[in-house]
N, C-alpha and C. Protein backbone atom coordinates (compact mmCIF):
# COMPACT_ATOMS: atom_id res chain seq x y z
N UNK A 1 -103.73 256.41 161.97
CA UNK A 1 -103.73 257.71 161.34
C UNK A 1 -102.92 257.58 160.04
N UNK A 2 -103.48 258.06 158.95
CA UNK A 2 -102.77 257.92 157.67
C UNK A 2 -101.63 258.95 157.55
N UNK A 3 -100.77 258.71 156.58
CA UNK A 3 -99.55 259.50 156.43
C UNK A 3 -99.84 260.97 156.13
N UNK A 4 -100.84 261.22 155.29
CA UNK A 4 -101.17 262.60 154.93
C UNK A 4 -101.62 263.40 156.15
N UNK A 5 -102.42 262.81 156.99
CA UNK A 5 -102.88 263.48 158.22
C UNK A 5 -101.72 263.72 159.17
N UNK A 6 -100.83 262.72 159.30
CA UNK A 6 -99.67 262.89 160.17
C UNK A 6 -98.74 263.98 159.67
N UNK A 7 -98.58 264.09 158.35
CA UNK A 7 -97.73 265.16 157.81
C UNK A 7 -98.31 266.53 158.11
N UNK A 8 -99.60 266.67 157.92
CA UNK A 8 -100.25 267.97 158.22
C UNK A 8 -100.18 268.30 159.70
N UNK A 9 -100.43 267.30 160.54
CA UNK A 9 -100.38 267.51 161.98
C UNK A 9 -98.97 267.85 162.44
N UNK A 10 -97.98 267.18 161.88
CA UNK A 10 -96.60 267.48 162.27
C UNK A 10 -96.19 268.88 161.83
N UNK A 11 -96.64 269.31 160.68
CA UNK A 11 -96.36 270.68 160.24
C UNK A 11 -97.01 271.70 161.17
N UNK A 12 -98.24 271.44 161.57
CA UNK A 12 -98.93 272.32 162.50
C UNK A 12 -98.20 272.38 163.85
N UNK A 13 -97.75 271.23 164.31
CA UNK A 13 -97.02 271.18 165.58
C UNK A 13 -95.73 271.97 165.49
N UNK A 14 -95.00 271.81 164.38
CA UNK A 14 -93.71 272.50 164.24
C UNK A 14 -93.88 274.00 164.04
N UNK A 15 -94.92 274.42 163.37
CA UNK A 15 -95.10 275.85 163.09
C UNK A 15 -95.76 276.62 164.24
N UNK A 16 -96.65 275.96 164.98
CA UNK A 16 -97.36 276.66 166.05
C UNK A 16 -96.98 276.16 167.45
N UNK A 17 -96.90 274.86 167.59
CA UNK A 17 -96.67 274.29 168.91
C UNK A 17 -95.25 274.46 169.42
N UNK A 18 -94.28 274.25 168.55
CA UNK A 18 -92.89 274.36 169.00
C UNK A 18 -92.50 275.77 169.41
N UNK A 19 -92.86 276.81 168.65
CA UNK A 19 -92.55 278.17 169.16
C UNK A 19 -93.23 278.48 170.48
N UNK A 20 -94.46 278.01 170.66
CA UNK A 20 -95.14 278.22 171.94
C UNK A 20 -94.43 277.48 173.06
N UNK A 21 -93.95 276.28 172.78
CA UNK A 21 -93.22 275.50 173.78
C UNK A 21 -91.90 276.17 174.14
N UNK A 22 -91.25 276.77 173.16
CA UNK A 22 -90.00 277.49 173.42
C UNK A 22 -90.25 278.67 174.36
N UNK A 23 -91.33 279.40 174.12
CA UNK A 23 -91.69 280.52 174.99
C UNK A 23 -91.93 280.03 176.41
N UNK A 24 -92.62 278.91 176.54
CA UNK A 24 -92.88 278.34 177.87
C UNK A 24 -91.57 277.91 178.54
N UNK A 25 -90.66 277.29 177.79
CA UNK A 25 -89.38 276.85 178.35
C UNK A 25 -88.55 278.03 178.84
N UNK A 26 -88.46 279.07 178.04
CA UNK A 26 -87.70 280.26 178.43
C UNK A 26 -88.35 280.94 179.63
N UNK A 27 -89.67 280.98 179.65
CA UNK A 27 -90.38 281.57 180.78
C UNK A 27 -90.13 280.78 182.06
N UNK A 28 -90.05 279.45 181.94
CA UNK A 28 -89.77 278.62 183.11
C UNK A 28 -88.38 278.90 183.67
N UNK A 29 -87.40 279.04 182.80
CA UNK A 29 -86.04 279.34 183.27
C UNK A 29 -85.99 280.74 183.88
N UNK A 30 -86.68 281.70 183.28
CA UNK A 30 -86.73 283.04 183.86
C UNK A 30 -87.42 283.03 185.22
N UNK A 31 -88.46 282.22 185.36
CA UNK A 31 -89.15 282.10 186.64
C UNK A 31 -88.21 281.50 187.69
N UNK A 32 -87.43 280.49 187.27
CA UNK A 32 -86.45 279.90 188.20
C UNK A 32 -85.44 280.94 188.65
N UNK A 33 -85.00 281.80 187.73
CA UNK A 33 -84.04 282.85 188.10
C UNK A 33 -84.67 283.86 189.06
N UNK A 34 -85.92 284.20 188.83
CA UNK A 34 -86.59 285.17 189.70
C UNK A 34 -86.87 284.57 191.07
N UNK A 35 -87.18 283.30 191.10
CA UNK A 35 -87.55 282.64 192.36
C UNK A 35 -86.34 282.33 193.24
N UNK A 36 -85.30 281.75 192.66
CA UNK A 36 -84.15 281.29 193.43
C UNK A 36 -82.86 282.03 193.10
N UNK A 37 -82.92 283.04 192.32
CA UNK A 37 -81.71 283.75 191.93
C UNK A 37 -81.10 283.12 190.69
N UNK A 38 -80.09 283.76 190.17
CA UNK A 38 -79.45 283.30 188.94
C UNK A 38 -78.84 281.91 189.14
N UNK A 39 -79.20 280.99 188.27
CA UNK A 39 -78.70 279.62 188.32
C UNK A 39 -77.37 279.52 187.55
N UNK A 40 -76.53 278.60 187.94
CA UNK A 40 -75.32 278.35 187.13
C UNK A 40 -75.72 277.92 185.72
N UNK A 41 -74.86 278.19 184.77
CA UNK A 41 -75.18 277.92 183.37
C UNK A 41 -75.42 276.44 183.13
N UNK A 42 -74.76 275.55 183.87
CA UNK A 42 -74.94 274.13 183.63
C UNK A 42 -76.33 273.66 184.07
N UNK A 43 -76.91 274.30 185.08
CA UNK A 43 -78.28 273.96 185.49
C UNK A 43 -79.26 274.41 184.42
N UNK A 44 -79.07 275.62 183.90
CA UNK A 44 -79.94 276.09 182.82
C UNK A 44 -79.81 275.19 181.60
N UNK A 45 -78.60 274.78 181.29
CA UNK A 45 -78.37 273.89 180.16
C UNK A 45 -79.09 272.56 180.36
N UNK A 46 -79.02 272.00 181.56
CA UNK A 46 -79.72 270.75 181.85
C UNK A 46 -81.23 270.91 181.72
N UNK A 47 -81.75 272.04 182.18
CA UNK A 47 -83.19 272.29 182.06
C UNK A 47 -83.59 272.38 180.60
N UNK A 48 -82.83 273.11 179.80
CA UNK A 48 -83.15 273.24 178.38
C UNK A 48 -83.03 271.90 177.65
N UNK A 49 -82.02 271.11 177.97
CA UNK A 49 -81.88 269.80 177.34
C UNK A 49 -83.03 268.89 177.75
N UNK A 50 -83.37 268.90 179.03
CA UNK A 50 -84.49 268.09 179.50
C UNK A 50 -85.80 268.48 178.85
N UNK A 51 -86.07 269.76 178.77
CA UNK A 51 -87.30 270.21 178.11
C UNK A 51 -87.28 269.94 176.62
N UNK A 52 -86.08 269.98 176.03
CA UNK A 52 -85.98 269.67 174.61
C UNK A 52 -86.28 268.22 174.29
N UNK A 53 -86.00 267.34 175.23
CA UNK A 53 -86.32 265.93 175.04
C UNK A 53 -87.77 265.64 175.40
N UNK A 54 -88.27 266.28 176.44
CA UNK A 54 -89.62 266.00 176.93
C UNK A 54 -90.70 266.34 175.91
N UNK A 55 -90.51 267.38 175.11
CA UNK A 55 -91.59 267.78 174.19
C UNK A 55 -91.82 266.76 173.09
N UNK A 56 -90.79 266.02 172.72
CA UNK A 56 -90.93 265.09 171.61
C UNK A 56 -91.49 263.74 172.04
N UNK A 57 -91.34 263.35 173.30
CA UNK A 57 -91.77 262.02 173.73
C UNK A 57 -93.25 261.72 173.44
N UNK A 58 -94.18 262.60 173.78
CA UNK A 58 -95.58 262.26 173.47
C UNK A 58 -95.90 262.39 171.97
N UNK A 59 -95.06 263.07 171.21
CA UNK A 59 -95.33 263.31 169.79
C UNK A 59 -94.51 262.41 168.87
N UNK A 60 -93.75 261.51 169.43
CA UNK A 60 -92.85 260.67 168.65
C UNK A 60 -93.61 259.86 167.59
N UNK A 61 -94.76 259.37 167.93
CA UNK A 61 -95.54 258.55 167.00
C UNK A 61 -96.00 259.35 165.79
N UNK A 62 -96.29 260.62 165.98
CA UNK A 62 -96.74 261.46 164.86
C UNK A 62 -95.59 261.71 163.90
N UNK A 63 -94.38 261.94 164.42
CA UNK A 63 -93.24 262.29 163.57
C UNK A 63 -92.55 261.07 162.94
N UNK A 64 -92.86 259.88 163.41
CA UNK A 64 -92.22 258.69 162.86
C UNK A 64 -92.69 258.43 161.44
N UNK A 65 -91.75 258.35 160.51
CA UNK A 65 -92.07 258.01 159.13
C UNK A 65 -92.53 259.16 158.27
N UNK A 66 -92.44 260.38 158.74
CA UNK A 66 -92.91 261.54 157.97
C UNK A 66 -92.06 261.77 156.73
N UNK A 67 -90.76 261.51 156.81
CA UNK A 67 -89.87 261.75 155.68
C UNK A 67 -89.96 260.72 154.58
N UNK A 68 -90.60 259.60 154.85
CA UNK A 68 -90.74 258.57 153.84
C UNK A 68 -91.85 258.89 152.86
N UNK A 69 -91.76 258.30 151.72
CA UNK A 69 -92.80 258.49 150.71
C UNK A 69 -94.05 257.69 151.02
N UNK A 70 -95.06 257.88 150.22
CA UNK A 70 -96.33 257.17 150.42
C UNK A 70 -96.07 255.73 150.16
């Protein structure tokens, strides 16, 4: 995939995909609270950190080298 396509795709992911992923992550934590009761803050923090790392793993190849010039 050439650099121009990767830049456009990464912009699309950051503008549309990331906000949608944030909504899903917050909904998951709210579902956990509704299902099992209020979780300690450290469990919620671990879930948010884990989800924050998980979203980038399949997209790492697209974002690699975006800041470099042609």
